[in-house]
PDB file of N, CA and C in Angstrom:
ATOM      1  N   MET A   1       0.815  -1.192   0.000  1.00  0.00           N
ATOM      2  CA  MET A   1       0.000   0.000   0.000  1.00  0.00           C
ATOM      3  C   MET A   1       0.857   1.254   0.000  1.00  0.00           C
ATOM      4  N   PHE A   2       1.820   1.326   0.895  1.00  0.00           N
ATOM      5  CA  PHE A   2       2.658   2.512   0.976  1.00  0.00           C
ATOM      6  C   PHE A   2       3.511   2.681  -0.270  1.00  0.00           C
ATOM      7  N   ASN A   3       3.978   1.575  -0.863  1.00  0.00           N
ATOM      8  CA  ASN A   3       4.785   1.687  -2.081  1.00  0.00           C
ATOM      9  C   ASN A   3       3.993   2.348  -3.188  1.00  0.00           C
ATOM     10  N   GLU A   4       2.756   1.919  -3.369  1.00  0.00           N
ATOM     11  CA  GLU A   4       1.902   2.488  -4.410  1.00  0.00           C
ATOM     12  C   GLU A   4       1.609   3.958  -4.126  1.00  0.00           C
ATOM     13  N   LEU A   5       1.304   4.262  -2.891  1.00  0.00           N
ATOM     14  CA  LEU A   5       1.023   5.638  -2.496  1.00  0.00           C
ATOM     15  C   LEU A   5       2.249   6.525  -2.707  1.00  0.00           C
ATOM     16  N   GLU A   6       3.407   6.022  -2.349  1.00  0.00           N
ATOM     17  CA  GLU A   6       4.645   6.784  -2.507  1.00  0.00           C
ATOM     18  C   GLU A   6       4.948   7.058  -3.980  1.00  0.00           C
ATOM     19  N   ARG A   7       4.679   6.084  -4.848  1.00  0.00           N
ATOM     20  CA  ARG A   7       4.917   6.262  -6.293  1.00  0.00           C
ATOM     21  C   ARG A   7       3.967   7.278  -6.904  1.00  0.00           C
ATOM     22  N   LYS A   8       2.706   7.250  -6.490  1.00  0.00           N
ATOM     23  CA  LYS A   8       1.689   8.103  -7.099  1.00  0.00           C
ATOM     24  C   LYS A   8       1.660   9.518  -6.514  1.00  0.00           C
ATOM     25  N   ALA A   9       2.210   9.679  -5.337  1.00  0.00           N
ATOM     26  CA  ALA A   9       2.155  10.978  -4.657  1.00  0.00           C
ATOM     27  C   ALA A   9       3.156  11.948  -5.268  1.00  0.00           C
ATOM     28  N   PRO A  10       2.852  13.243  -5.184  1.00  0.00           N
ATOM     29  CA  PRO A  10       3.837  14.246  -5.605  1.00  0.00           C
ATOM     30  C   PRO A  10       5.104  14.122  -4.748  1.00  0.00           C
ATOM     31  N   SER A  11       6.225  14.554  -5.278  1.00  0.00           N
ATOM     32  CA  SER A  11       7.498  14.364  -4.579  1.00  0.00           C
ATOM     33  C   SER A  11       7.533  15.044  -3.212  1.00  0.00           C
ATOM     34  N   ASN A  12       6.854  16.169  -3.057  1.00  0.00           N
ATOM     35  CA  ASN A  12       6.877  16.845  -1.751  1.00  0.00           C
ATOM     36  C   ASN A  12       6.094  16.075  -0.688  1.00  0.00           C
ATOM     37  N   PHE A  13       5.305  15.084  -1.089  1.00  0.00           N
ATOM     38  CA  PHE A  13       4.622  14.197  -0.144  1.00  0.00           C
ATOM     39  C   PHE A  13       5.284  12.822  -0.110  1.00  0.00           C
ATOM     40  N   GLY A  14       5.769  12.365  -1.246  1.00  0.00           N
ATOM     41  CA  GLY A  14       6.367  11.036  -1.357  1.00  0.00           C
ATOM     42  C   GLY A  14       7.666  10.897  -0.586  1.00  0.00           C
ATOM     43  N   ARG A  15       8.494  11.935  -0.607  1.00  0.00           N
ATOM     44  CA  ARG A  15       9.771  11.868   0.122  1.00  0.00           C
ATOM     45  C   ARG A  15       9.596  11.721   1.621  1.00  0.00           C
ATOM     46  N   PRO A  16       8.757  12.546   2.259  1.00  0.00           N
ATOM     47  CA  PRO A  16       8.548  12.352   3.701  1.00  0.00           C
ATOM     48  C   PRO A  16       7.914  10.999   4.021  1.00  0.00           C
ATOM     49  N   LEU A  17       7.055  10.520   3.134  1.00  0.00           N
ATOM     50  CA  LEU A  17       6.446   9.207   3.343  1.00  0.00           C
ATOM     51  C   LEU A  17       7.507   8.112   3.307  1.00  0.00           C
ATOM     52  N   GLY A  18       8.451   8.226   2.400  1.00  0.00           N
ATOM     53  CA  GLY A  18       9.548   7.270   2.339  1.00  0.00           C
ATOM     54  C   GLY A  18      10.400   7.320   3.594  1.00  0.00           C
ATOM     55  N   TRP A  19      10.627   8.519   4.102  1.00  0.00           N
ATOM     56  CA  TRP A  19      11.434   8.661   5.321  1.00  0.00           C
ATOM     57  C   TRP A  19      10.720   8.053   6.523  1.00  0.00           C
ATOM     58  N   ILE A  20       9.428   8.321   6.665  1.00  0.00           N
ATOM     59  CA  ILE A  20       8.699   7.873   7.854  1.00  0.00           C
ATOM     60  C   ILE A  20       8.537   6.348   7.866  1.00  0.00           C
ATOM     61  N   ARG A  21       8.680   5.705   6.724  1.00  0.00           N
ATOM     62  CA  ARG A  21       8.553   4.248   6.650  1.00  0.00           C
ATOM     63  C   ARG A  21       9.833   3.521   7.052  1.00  0.00           C
ATOM     64  N   ARG A  22      10.955   4.219   7.099  1.00  0.00           N
ATOM     65  CA  ARG A  22      12.221   3.559   7.462  1.00  0.00           C
ATOM     66  C   ARG A  22      12.174   3.075   8.904  1.00  0.00           C
ATOM     67  N   PRO A  23      12.845   1.969   9.200  1.00  0.00           N
ATOM     68  CA  PRO A  23      12.845   1.452  10.580  1.00  0.00           C
ATOM     69  C   PRO A  23      13.385   2.462  11.600  1.00  0.00           C
ATOM     70  N   GLN A  24      14.325   3.307  11.193  1.00  0.00           N
ATOM     71  CA  GLN A  24      14.906   4.287  12.120  1.00  0.00           C
ATOM     72  C   GLN A  24      13.896   5.354  12.535  1.00  0.00           C
ATOM     73  N   ALA A  25      12.811   5.511  11.800  1.00  0.00           N
ATOM     74  CA  ALA A  25      11.825   6.565  12.087  1.00  0.00           C
ATOM     75  C   ALA A  25      10.726   6.104  13.035  1.00  0.00           C
ATOM     76  N   ARG A  26      10.910   4.949  13.649  1.00  0.00           N
ATOM     77  CA  ARG A  26       9.870   4.398  14.523  1.00  0.00           C
ATOM     78  C   ARG A  26       9.503   5.360  15.655  1.00  0.00           C
ATOM     79  N   LEU A  27      10.485   6.027  16.219  1.00  0.00           N
ATOM     80  CA  LEU A  27      10.216   6.954  17.324  1.00  0.00           C
ATOM     81  C   LEU A  27       9.405   8.169  16.880  1.00  0.00           C
ATOM     82  N   ALA A  28       9.433   8.497  15.610  1.00  0.00           N
ATOM     83  CA  ALA A  28       8.598   9.581  15.093  1.00  0.00           C
ATOM     84  C   ALA A  28       7.261   9.036  14.588  1.00  0.00           C
ATOM     85  N   ARG A  29       7.275   7.823  14.046  1.00  0.00           N
ATOM     86  CA  ARG A  29       6.089   7.245  13.403  1.00  0.00           C
ATOM     87  C   ARG A  29       4.972   6.941  14.407  1.00  0.00           C
ATOM     88  N   ILE A  30       5.326   6.367  15.551  1.00  0.00           N
ATOM     89  CA  ILE A  30       4.296   5.983  16.520  1.00  0.00           C
ATOM     90  C   ILE A  30       3.568   7.209  17.087  1.00  0.00           C
ATOM     91  N   PRO A  31       4.275   8.226  17.580  1.00  0.00           N
ATOM     92  CA  PRO A  31       3.543   9.418  18.063  1.00  0.00           C
ATOM     93  C   PRO A  31       2.750  10.110  16.942  1.00  0.00           C
ATOM     94  N   LEU A  32       3.310  10.149  15.735  1.00  0.00           N
ATOM     95  CA  LEU A  32       2.591  10.759  14.617  1.00  0.00           C
ATOM     96  C   LEU A  32       1.309   9.985  14.316  1.00  0.00           C
ATOM     97  N   GLY A  33       1.394   8.654  14.322  1.00  0.00           N
ATOM     98  CA  GLY A  33       0.209   7.828  14.103  1.00  0.00           C
ATOM     99  C   GLY A  33      -0.855   8.069  15.163  1.00  0.00           C
ATOM    100  N   ILE A  34      -0.428   8.146  16.414  1.00  0.00           N
ATOM    101  CA  ILE A  34      -1.378   8.395  17.513  1.00  0.00           C
ATOM    102  C   ILE A  34      -2.023   9.766  17.367  1.00  0.00           C
ATOM    103  N   LEU A  35      -1.217  10.775  17.041  1.00  0.00           N
ATOM    104  CA  LEU A  35      -1.775  12.120  16.851  1.00  0.00           C
ATOM    105  C   LEU A  35      -2.762  12.169  15.691  1.00  0.00           C
ATOM    106  N   LEU A  36      -2.445  11.455  14.601  1.00  0.00           N
ATOM    107  CA  LEU A  36      -3.364  11.433  13.461  1.00  0.00           C
ATOM    108  C   LEU A  36      -4.675  10.732  13.812  1.00  0.00           C
ATOM    109  N   VAL A  37      -4.604   9.642  14.561  1.00  0.00           N
ATOM    110  CA  VAL A  37      -5.823   8.949  14.987  1.00  0.00           C
ATOM    111  C   VAL A  37      -6.658   9.864  15.883  1.00  0.00           C
ATOM    112  N   LEU A  38      -6.024  10.523  16.827  1.00  0.00           N
ATOM    113  CA  LEU A  38      -6.750  11.455  17.699  1.00  0.00           C
ATOM    114  C   LEU A  38      -7.348  12.611  16.894  1.00  0.00           C
ATOM    115  N   GLY A  39      -6.595  13.114  15.935  1.00  0.00           N
ATOM    116  CA  GLY A  39      -7.118  14.174  15.073  1.00  0.00           C
ATOM    117  C   GLY A  39      -8.311  13.709  14.262  1.00  0.00           C
ATOM    118  N   GLY A  40      -8.287  12.456  13.823  1.00  0.00           N
ATOM    119  CA  GLY A  40      -9.419  11.908  13.088  1.00  0.00           C
ATOM    120  C   GLY A  40     -10.646  11.738  13.965  1.00  0.00           C
ATOM    121  N   ILE A  41     -10.428  11.383  15.220  1.00  0.00           N
ATOM    122  CA  ILE A  41     -11.548  11.235  16.154  1.00  0.00           C
ATOM    123  C   ILE A  41     -12.200  12.590  16.401  1.00  0.00           C
ATOM    124  N   PHE A  42     -11.394  13.637  16.480  1.00  0.00           N
ATOM    125  CA  PHE A  42     -11.923  14.984  16.710  1.00  0.00           C
ATOM    126  C   PHE A  42     -12.096  15.742  15.397  1.00  0.00           C
ATOM    127  N   SER A  43     -12.544  15.053  14.366  1.00  0.00           N
ATOM    128  CA  SER A  43     -12.654  15.660  13.038  1.00  0.00           C
ATOM    129  C   SER A  43     -13.745  16.725  12.945  1.00  0.00           C
ATOM    130  N   PHE A  44     -14.574  16.832  13.955  1.00  0.00           N
ATOM    131  CA  PHE A  44     -15.608  17.864  13.933  1.00  0.00           C
ATOM    132  C   PHE A  44     -15.013  19.253  14.172  1.00  0.00           C
ATOM    133  N   LEU A  45     -13.781  19.305  14.645  1.00  0.00           N
ATOM    134  CA  LEU A  45     -13.119  20.593  14.837  1.00  0.00           C
ATOM    135  C   LEU A  45     -12.658  21.131  13.484  1.00  0.00           C
ATOM    136  N   PRO A  46     -12.559  22.437  13.324  1.00  0.00           N
ATOM    137  CA  PRO A  46     -12.309  23.036  12.012  1.00  0.00           C
ATOM    138  C   PRO A  46     -11.017  22.602  11.298  1.00  0.00           C
ATOM    139  N   VAL A  47      -9.928  22.446  11.998  1.00  0.00           N
ATOM    140  CA  VAL A  47      -8.650  22.178  11.339  1.00  0.00           C
ATOM    141  C   VAL A  47      -8.450  20.684  11.064  1.00  0.00           C
ATOM    142  N   LEU A  48      -9.060  19.851  11.864  1.00  0.00           N
ATOM    143  CA  LEU A  48      -8.847  18.412  11.773  1.00  0.00           C
ATOM    144  C   LEU A  48      -9.841  17.788  10.798  1.00  0.00           C
ATOM    145  N   GLY A  49      -9.495  16.603  10.301  1.00  0.00           N
ATOM    146  CA  GLY A  49     -10.386  15.944   9.351  1.00  0.00           C
ATOM    147  C   GLY A  49     -10.398  14.442   9.533  1.00  0.00           C
ATOM    148  N   ILE A  50     -11.429  13.819   9.000  1.00  0.00           N
ATOM    149  CA  ILE A  50     -11.575  12.376   9.108  1.00  0.00           C
ATOM    150  C   ILE A  50     -10.467  11.655   8.346  1.00  0.00           C
ATOM    151  N   TRP A  51      -9.834  12.320   7.387  1.00  0.00           N
ATOM    152  CA  TRP A  51      -8.748  11.717   6.616  1.00  0.00           C
ATOM    153  C   TRP A  51      -7.575  11.328   7.517  1.00  0.00           C
ATOM    154  N   MET A  52      -7.491  11.945   8.678  1.00  0.00           N
ATOM    155  CA  MET A  52      -6.374  11.678   9.583  1.00  0.00           C
ATOM    156  C   MET A  52      -6.469  10.295  10.213  1.00  0.00           C
ATOM    157  N   LEU A  53      -7.677   9.795  10.412  1.00  0.00           N
ATOM    158  CA  LEU A  53      -7.870   8.512  11.078  1.00  0.00           C
ATOM    159  C   LEU A  53      -7.268   7.343  10.292  1.00  0.00           C
ATOM    160  N   PRO A  54      -7.617   7.152   9.017  1.00  0.00           N
ATOM    161  CA  PRO A  54      -7.004   6.021   8.299  1.00  0.00           C
ATOM    162  C   PRO A  54      -5.495   6.164   8.125  1.00  0.00           C
ATOM    163  N   LEU A  55      -5.025   7.388   7.926  1.00  0.00           N
ATOM    164  CA  LEU A  55      -3.584   7.589   7.778  1.00  0.00           C
ATOM    165  C   LEU A  55      -2.856   7.229   9.071  1.00  0.00           C
ATOM    166  N   GLY A  56      -3.410   7.633  10.199  1.00  0.00           N
ATOM    167  CA  GLY A  56      -2.814   7.284  11.487  1.00  0.00           C
ATOM    168  C   GLY A  56      -2.817   5.782  11.729  1.00  0.00           C
ATOM    169  N   LEU A  57      -3.912   5.109  11.366  1.00  0.00           N
ATOM    170  CA  LEU A  57      -3.971   3.657  11.530  1.00  0.00           C
ATOM    171  C   LEU A  57      -2.967   2.952  10.628  1.00  0.00           C
ATOM    172  N   LEU A  58      -2.792   3.460   9.412  1.00  0.00           N
ATOM    173  CA  LEU A  58      -1.786   2.883   8.511  1.00  0.00           C
ATOM    174  C   LEU A  58      -0.386   3.005   9.110  1.00  0.00           C
ATOM    175  N   LEU A  59      -0.075   4.174   9.656  1.00  0.00           N
ATOM    176  CA  LEU A  59       1.251   4.360  10.261  1.00  0.00           C
ATOM    177  C   LEU A  59       1.433   3.466  11.480  1.00  0.00           C
ATOM    178  N   LEU A  60       0.419   3.366  12.308  1.00  0.00           N
ATOM    179  CA  LEU A  60       0.528   2.520  13.498  1.00  0.00           C
ATOM    180  C   LEU A  60       0.630   1.043  13.134  1.00  0.00           C
ATOM    181  N   ALA A  61      -0.016   0.638  12.049  1.00  0.00           N
ATOM    182  CA  ALA A  61       0.010  -0.768  11.644  1.00  0.00           C
ATOM    183  C   ALA A  61       1.413  -1.227  11.243  1.00  0.00           C
ATOM    184  N   ILE A  62       2.286  -0.300  10.895  1.00  0.00           N
ATOM    185  CA  ILE A  62       3.666  -0.671  10.563  1.00  0.00           C
ATOM    186  C   ILE A  62       4.349  -1.274  11.789  1.00  0.00           C
ATOM    187  N   ASP A  63       4.066  -0.729  12.965  1.00  0.00           N
ATOM    188  CA  ASP A  63       4.760  -1.139  14.186  1.00  0.00           C
ATOM    189  C   ASP A  63       3.920  -1.982  15.146  1.00  0.00           C
ATOM    190  N   VAL A  64       2.620  -2.022  14.968  1.00  0.00           N
ATOM    191  CA  VAL A  64       1.741  -2.759  15.882  1.00  0.00           C
ATOM    192  C   VAL A  64       1.171  -3.965  15.133  1.00  0.00           C
ATOM    193  N   PRO A  65       1.724  -5.153  15.364  1.00  0.00           N
ATOM    194  CA  PRO A  65       1.285  -6.344  14.619  1.00  0.00           C
ATOM    195  C   PRO A  65      -0.211  -6.632  14.724  1.00  0.00           C
ATOM    196  N   ALA A  66      -0.836  -6.304  15.852  1.00  0.00           N
ATOM    197  CA  ALA A  66      -2.270  -6.566  16.013  1.00  0.00           C
ATOM    198  C   ALA A  66      -3.118  -5.750  15.039  1.00  0.00           C
ATOM    199  N   LEU A  67      -2.606  -4.625  14.562  1.00  0.00           N
ATOM    200  CA  LEU A  67      -3.344  -3.778  13.612  1.00  0.00           C
ATOM    201  C   LEU A  67      -3.103  -4.167  12.158  1.00  0.00           C
ATOM    202  N   GLN A  68      -2.046  -4.906  11.889  1.00  0.00           N
ATOM    203  CA  GLN A  68      -1.675  -5.189  10.504  1.00  0.00           C
ATOM    204  C   GLN A  68      -2.754  -5.946   9.744  1.00  0.00           C
ATOM    205  N   GLY A  69      -3.322  -6.981  10.339  1.00  0.00           N
ATOM    206  CA  GLY A  69      -4.364  -7.761   9.660  1.00  0.00           C
ATOM    207  C   GLY A  69      -5.608  -6.941   9.364  1.00  0.00           C
ATOM    208  N   PRO A  70      -6.217  -6.328  10.396  1.00  0.00           N
ATOM    209  CA  PRO A  70      -7.430  -5.544  10.137  1.00  0.00           C
ATOM    210  C   PRO A  70      -7.206  -4.371   9.175  1.00  0.00           C
ATOM    211  N   VAL A  71      -6.087  -3.683   9.305  1.00  0.00           N
ATOM    212  CA  VAL A  71      -5.822  -2.548   8.418  1.00  0.00           C
ATOM    213  C   VAL A  71      -5.612  -3.042   6.990  1.00  0.00           C
ATOM    214  N   SER A  72      -4.893  -4.144   6.818  1.00  0.00           N
ATOM    215  CA  SER A  72      -4.683  -4.700   5.474  1.00  0.00           C
ATOM    216  C   SER A  72      -6.001  -5.109   4.834  1.00  0.00           C
ATOM    217  N   ARG A  73      -6.833  -5.789   5.586  1.00  0.00           N
ATOM    218  CA  ARG A  73      -8.136  -6.201   5.049  1.00  0.00           C
ATOM    219  C   ARG A  73      -8.983  -4.998   4.667  1.00  0.00           C
ATOM    220  N   THR A  74      -8.956  -3.965   5.492  1.00  0.00           N
ATOM    221  CA  THR A  74      -9.740  -2.768   5.210  1.00  0.00           C
ATOM    222  C   THR A  74      -9.220  -2.054   3.968  1.00  0.00           C
ATOM    223  N   VAL A  75      -7.918  -1.977   3.818  1.00  0.00           N
ATOM    224  CA  VAL A  75      -7.338  -1.334   2.625  1.00  0.00           C
ATOM    225  C   VAL A  75      -7.716  -2.111   1.367  1.00  0.00           C
ATOM    226  N   ILE A  76      -7.620  -3.431   1.421  1.00  0.00           N
ATOM    227  CA  ILE A  76      -7.976  -4.255   0.265  1.00  0.00           C
ATOM    228  C   ILE A  76      -9.461  -4.108  -0.059  1.00  0.00           C
ATOM    229  N   TRP A  77     -10.306  -4.123   0.967  1.00  0.00           N
ATOM    230  CA  TRP A  77     -11.741  -3.950   0.769  1.00  0.00           C
ATOM    231  C   TRP A  77     -12.037  -2.586   0.143  1.00  0.00           C
ATOM    232  N   GLY A  78     -11.419  -1.542   0.677  1.00  0.00           N
ATOM    233  CA  GLY A  78     -11.631  -0.191   0.149  1.00  0.00           C
ATOM    234  C   GLY A  78     -11.157  -0.052  -1.286  1.00  0.00           C
ATOM    235  N   LYS A  79     -10.043  -0.664  -1.604  1.00  0.00           N
ATOM    236  CA  LYS A  79      -9.521  -0.593  -2.969  1.00  0.00           C
ATOM    237  C   LYS A  79     -10.470  -1.302  -3.942  1.00  0.00           C
ATOM    238  N   ARG A  80     -11.004  -2.461  -3.548  1.00  0.00           N
ATOM    239  CA  ARG A  80     -11.976  -3.171  -4.397  1.00  0.00           C
ATOM    240  C   ARG A  80     -13.228  -2.341  -4.609  1.00  0.00           C
ATOM    241  N   LYS A  81     -13.739  -1.748  -3.526  1.00  0.00           N
ATOM    242  CA  LYS A  81     -14.935  -0.902  -3.632  1.00  0.00           C
ATOM    243  C   LYS A  81     -14.682   0.266  -4.580  1.00  0.00           C
ATOM    244  N   TRP A  82     -13.528   0.899  -4.447  1.00  0.00           N
ATOM    245  CA  TRP A  82     -13.173   2.032  -5.299  1.00  0.00           C
ATOM    246  C   TRP A  82     -13.104   1.606  -6.765  1.00  0.00           C
ATOM    247  N   GLN A  83     -12.457   0.484  -7.046  1.00  0.00           N
ATOM    248  CA  GLN A  83     -12.334  -0.005  -8.418  1.00  0.00           C
ATOM    249  C   GLN A  83     -13.702  -0.363  -8.997  1.00  0.00           C
ATOM    250  N   ASN A  84     -14.558  -1.018  -8.205  1.00  0.00           N
ATOM    251  CA  ASN A  84     -15.911  -1.345  -8.675  1.00  0.00           C
ATOM    252  C   ASN A  84     -16.716  -0.093  -8.967  1.00  0.00           C
ATOM    253  N   TRP A  85     -16.601   0.901  -8.091  1.00  0.00           N
ATOM    254  CA  TRP A  85     -17.308   2.158  -8.284  1.00  0.00           C
ATOM    255  C   TRP A  85     -16.849   2.844  -9.570  1.00  0.00           C
ATOM    256  N   GLN A  86     -15.528   2.874  -9.808  1.00  0.00           N
ATOM    257  CA  GLN A  86     -15.009   3.480 -11.030  1.00  0.00           C
ATOM    258  C   GLN A  86     -15.482   2.728 -12.263  1.00  0.00           C
ATOM    259  N   ARG A  87     -15.484   1.387 -12.199  1.00  0.00           N
ATOM    260  CA  ARG A  87     -15.958   0.572 -13.318  1.00  0.00           C
ATOM    261  C   ARG A  87     -17.412   0.880 -13.635  1.00  0.00           C
ATOM    262  N   GLN A  88     -18.234   0.992 -12.607  1.00  0.00           N
ATOM    263  CA  GLN A  88     -19.650   1.294 -12.804  1.00  0.00           C
ATOM    264  C   GLN A  88     -19.832   2.688 -13.405  1.00  0.00           C
ATOM    265  N   ARG A  89     -19.046   3.642 -12.962  1.00  0.00           N
ATOM    266  CA  ARG A  89     -19.125   4.997 -13.514  1.00  0.00           C
ATOM    267  C   ARG A  89     -18.780   5.008 -14.992  1.00  0.00           C
ATOM    268  N   ARG A  90     -17.708   4.294 -15.354  1.00  0.00           N
ATOM    269  CA  ARG A  90     -17.295   4.228 -16.762  1.00  0.00           C
ATOM    270  C   ARG A  90     -18.373   3.555 -17.610  1.00  0.00           C
ATOM    271  N   ALA A  91     -18.988   2.497 -17.071  1.00  0.00           N
ATOM    272  CA  ALA A  91     -20.033   1.777 -17.802  1.00  0.00           C
ATOM    273  C   ALA A  91     -21.242   2.672 -18.027  1.00  0.00           C
ATOM    274  N   LYS A  92     -21.603   3.473 -17.049  1.00  0.00           N
ATOM    275  CA  LYS A  92     -22.747   4.387 -17.194  1.00  0.00           C
ATOM    276  C   LYS A  92     -22.455   5.464 -18.229  1.00  0.00           C
ATOM    277  N   ARG A  93     -21.217   5.962 -18.240  1.00  0.00           N
ATOM    278  CA  ARG A  93     -20.839   6.995 -19.215  1.00  0.00           C
ATOM    279  C   ARG A  93     -20.836   6.476 -20.640  1.00  0.00           C
ATOM    280  N   SER A  94     -20.472   5.216 -20.821  1.00  0.00           N
ATOM    281  CA  SER A  94     -20.347   4.668 -22.173  1.00  0.00           C
ATOM    282  C   SER A  94     -21.716   4.269 -22.759  1.00  0.00           C
ATOM    283  N   GLN A  95     -22.754   4.227 -21.946  1.00  0.00           N
ATOM    284  CA  GLN A  95     -24.082   3.857 -22.449  1.00  0.00           C
ATOM    285  C   GLN A  95     -24.769   4.985 -23.155  1.00  0.00           C
TER     286      GLN A  95
END
């Protein structure tokens, strides 16, 4: 998941993502993941958003084995849903 995201992201986002994935960045990754999850929970506040929750869970799943399975399944499920939705949109446009 992160490899694909890193390839598709603009360089000003892809480079920090590559850095945060390195094993040496664990001390920065865990607090950042926790802060993103908390920010996602408080997404009703003006500056924070729900987008922070999945990103925080993805970062935490790198270091917390108990999260790896559920997060992986959710990412795969979301990707399938997205692809099916796009396929349906294209089919409707071509009719």
